[in-house]
Amino acid sequence: MALGYEDQQYEIPQSRGIPPVVRYLFLICIVVIFFMGFVSVYYSGAFHVWPQSDVVRVPLTGSF
């Protein structure tokens, strides 16, 4: 038979939820992820040579 605190009733602590700092950091990270995606899509055409006829041709076979 239990003779200690095992016999006593106790309250289970209630969670206060996610701390506000964690929520704000989560939202900031989501915004940064979408911003980086936008920047990637926006600059995807930059720094590319197009059309193909303007590209420098380098032979991949034979002697150099």
N, C-alpha and C. Protein backbone atom coordinates (compact mmCIF):
# COMPACT_ATOMS: atom_id res chain seq x y z
N MET A 1 0.84 -1.17 0.00
CA MET A 1 0.00 0.00 0.00
C MET A 1 0.89 1.24 0.00
N ALA A 2 0.46 2.23 -0.77
CA ALA A 2 1.24 3.46 -0.87
C ALA A 2 1.02 4.33 0.35
N LEU A 3 2.10 4.87 0.87
CA LEU A 3 2.00 5.66 2.09
C LEU A 3 2.50 7.10 1.92
N GLY A 4 2.62 7.59 0.75
CA GLY A 4 3.19 8.92 0.63
C GLY A 4 2.35 9.82 -0.24
N TYR A 5 3.02 10.57 -1.03
CA TYR A 5 2.35 11.53 -1.89
C TYR A 5 1.52 10.85 -2.97
N GLU A 6 1.69 9.54 -3.16
CA GLU A 6 0.93 8.83 -4.17
C GLU A 6 -0.56 8.82 -3.85
N ASP A 7 -0.92 8.90 -2.57
CA ASP A 7 -2.32 8.87 -2.16
C ASP A 7 -2.99 10.23 -2.30
N GLN A 8 -2.24 11.28 -2.37
CA GLN A 8 -2.81 12.62 -2.38
C GLN A 8 -3.18 13.03 -3.80
N GLN A 9 -4.26 13.78 -3.90
CA GLN A 9 -4.67 14.33 -5.19
C GLN A 9 -3.84 15.58 -5.49
N TYR A 10 -3.53 15.77 -6.72
CA TYR A 10 -2.80 16.97 -7.11
C TYR A 10 -3.38 17.48 -8.42
N GLU A 11 -3.19 18.76 -8.66
CA GLU A 11 -3.71 19.38 -9.87
C GLU A 11 -2.68 19.29 -10.98
N ILE A 12 -3.18 18.96 -12.15
CA ILE A 12 -2.30 18.96 -13.33
C ILE A 12 -2.21 20.39 -13.82
N PRO A 13 -0.99 20.93 -13.96
CA PRO A 13 -0.86 22.32 -14.39
C PRO A 13 -1.42 22.53 -15.80
N GLN A 14 -2.08 23.64 -15.96
CA GLN A 14 -2.65 23.98 -17.27
C GLN A 14 -1.59 24.69 -18.11
N SER A 15 -1.54 24.33 -19.37
CA SER A 15 -0.61 24.96 -20.29
C SER A 15 -1.07 26.38 -20.60
N ARG A 16 -0.13 27.28 -20.68
CA ARG A 16 -0.44 28.65 -21.05
C ARG A 16 -0.31 28.86 -22.55
N GLY A 17 -0.06 27.80 -23.29
CA GLY A 17 0.04 27.90 -24.74
C GLY A 17 1.44 28.26 -25.19
N ILE A 18 1.53 28.63 -26.44
CA ILE A 18 2.82 28.99 -27.03
C ILE A 18 3.18 30.40 -26.60
N PRO A 19 4.40 30.62 -26.14
CA PRO A 19 4.81 31.98 -25.73
C PRO A 19 4.73 32.95 -26.91
N PRO A 20 4.39 34.21 -26.65
CA PRO A 20 4.26 35.20 -27.72
C PRO A 20 5.54 35.37 -28.54
N VAL A 21 6.69 35.26 -27.91
CA VAL A 21 7.95 35.42 -28.64
C VAL A 21 8.09 34.34 -29.70
N VAL A 22 7.70 33.12 -29.36
CA VAL A 22 7.78 32.02 -30.33
C VAL A 22 6.82 32.26 -31.49
N ARG A 23 5.62 32.76 -31.19
CA ARG A 23 4.67 33.06 -32.27
C ARG A 23 5.20 34.14 -33.20
N TYR A 24 5.78 35.20 -32.62
CA TYR A 24 6.31 36.29 -33.45
C TYR A 24 7.48 35.81 -34.30
N LEU A 25 8.37 35.02 -33.72
CA LEU A 25 9.50 34.50 -34.50
C LEU A 25 9.02 33.58 -35.62
N PHE A 26 7.99 32.77 -35.34
CA PHE A 26 7.43 31.89 -36.36
C PHE A 26 6.88 32.72 -37.52
N LEU A 27 6.13 33.76 -37.21
CA LEU A 27 5.57 34.60 -38.27
C LEU A 27 6.66 35.31 -39.06
N ILE A 28 7.68 35.78 -38.38
CA ILE A 28 8.79 36.44 -39.07
C ILE A 28 9.49 35.46 -40.01
N CYS A 29 9.69 34.23 -39.55
CA CYS A 29 10.35 33.22 -40.39
C CYS A 29 9.51 32.88 -41.61
N ILE A 30 8.20 32.79 -41.45
CA ILE A 30 7.32 32.52 -42.60
C ILE A 30 7.41 33.65 -43.61
N VAL A 31 7.41 34.90 -43.12
CA VAL A 31 7.52 36.05 -44.02
C VAL A 31 8.86 36.03 -44.75
N VAL A 32 9.94 35.71 -44.05
CA VAL A 32 11.26 35.66 -44.67
C VAL A 32 11.31 34.55 -45.73
N ILE A 33 10.71 33.41 -45.46
CA ILE A 33 10.70 32.31 -46.43
C ILE A 33 9.98 32.75 -47.71
N PHE A 34 8.81 33.37 -47.57
CA PHE A 34 8.09 33.82 -48.76
C PHE A 34 8.82 34.96 -49.47
N PHE A 35 9.48 35.82 -48.72
CA PHE A 35 10.26 36.90 -49.34
C PHE A 35 11.42 36.33 -50.15
N MET A 36 12.12 35.35 -49.60
CA MET A 36 13.23 34.73 -50.33
C MET A 36 12.72 34.01 -51.59
N GLY A 37 11.56 33.39 -51.49
CA GLY A 37 10.96 32.76 -52.68
C GLY A 37 10.64 33.80 -53.73
N PHE A 38 10.08 34.95 -53.32
CA PHE A 38 9.78 36.02 -54.26
C PHE A 38 11.05 36.54 -54.92
N VAL A 39 12.10 36.76 -54.13
CA VAL A 39 13.37 37.25 -54.68
C VAL A 39 13.93 36.23 -55.68
N SER A 40 13.84 34.95 -55.37
CA SER A 40 14.35 33.92 -56.27
C SER A 40 13.59 33.92 -57.59
N VAL A 41 12.27 34.05 -57.52
CA VAL A 41 11.47 34.07 -58.75
C VAL A 41 11.71 35.35 -59.52
N TYR A 42 11.82 36.47 -58.82
CA TYR A 42 12.00 37.76 -59.47
C TYR A 42 13.32 37.83 -60.25
N TYR A 43 14.39 37.32 -59.63
CA TYR A 43 15.70 37.38 -60.27
C TYR A 43 16.07 36.13 -61.05
N SER A 44 15.13 35.23 -61.26
CA SER A 44 15.46 33.98 -61.94
C SER A 44 15.89 34.20 -63.40
N GLY A 45 15.39 35.25 -64.01
CA GLY A 45 15.78 35.51 -65.40
C GLY A 45 17.02 36.36 -65.53
N ALA A 46 17.48 36.95 -64.46
CA ALA A 46 18.66 37.81 -64.52
C ALA A 46 19.93 36.97 -64.57
N PHE A 47 20.94 37.53 -65.14
CA PHE A 47 22.27 36.92 -65.22
C PHE A 47 22.27 35.66 -66.08
N HIS A 48 21.31 35.52 -66.98
CA HIS A 48 21.30 34.41 -67.91
C HIS A 48 21.46 34.96 -69.32
N VAL A 49 22.19 34.25 -70.13
CA VAL A 49 22.38 34.67 -71.52
C VAL A 49 21.30 33.99 -72.34
N TRP A 50 20.51 34.79 -73.05
CA TRP A 50 19.44 34.24 -73.86
C TRP A 50 19.29 35.12 -75.08
N PRO A 51 19.12 34.64 -76.21
CA PRO A 51 18.84 33.28 -76.64
C PRO A 51 20.09 32.43 -76.72
N GLN A 52 19.89 31.18 -77.04
CA GLN A 52 20.98 30.21 -77.02
C GLN A 52 22.08 30.56 -78.02
N SER A 53 21.73 31.23 -79.12
CA SER A 53 22.73 31.55 -80.14
C SER A 53 23.79 32.52 -79.61
N ASP A 54 23.52 33.26 -78.55
CA ASP A 54 24.48 34.20 -78.00
C ASP A 54 25.41 33.58 -76.95
N VAL A 55 25.19 32.34 -76.63
CA VAL A 55 25.97 31.68 -75.59
C VAL A 55 27.33 31.26 -76.16
N VAL A 56 28.38 31.43 -75.38
CA VAL A 56 29.71 31.00 -75.78
C VAL A 56 29.70 29.48 -75.86
N ARG A 57 30.18 28.97 -76.97
CA ARG A 57 30.17 27.52 -77.16
C ARG A 57 31.55 26.95 -76.80
N VAL A 58 31.54 25.99 -75.94
CA VAL A 58 32.76 25.32 -75.49
C VAL A 58 32.66 23.87 -75.93
N PRO A 59 33.65 23.38 -76.69
CA PRO A 59 33.59 21.99 -77.11
C PRO A 59 33.78 21.06 -75.89
N LEU A 60 32.96 20.05 -75.82
CA LEU A 60 33.04 19.11 -74.70
C LEU A 60 33.81 17.86 -75.05
N THR A 61 34.12 17.65 -76.31
CA THR A 61 34.88 16.47 -76.71
C THR A 61 36.06 16.90 -77.56
N GLY A 62 37.01 16.03 -77.74
CA GLY A 62 38.18 16.32 -78.53
C GLY A 62 39.25 17.01 -77.70
N SER A 63 40.29 17.46 -78.40
CA SER A 63 41.39 18.13 -77.70
C SER A 63 41.09 19.62 -77.61
N PHE A 64 41.59 20.22 -76.57
CA PHE A 64 41.33 21.64 -76.35
C PHE A 64 42.48 22.45 -76.82
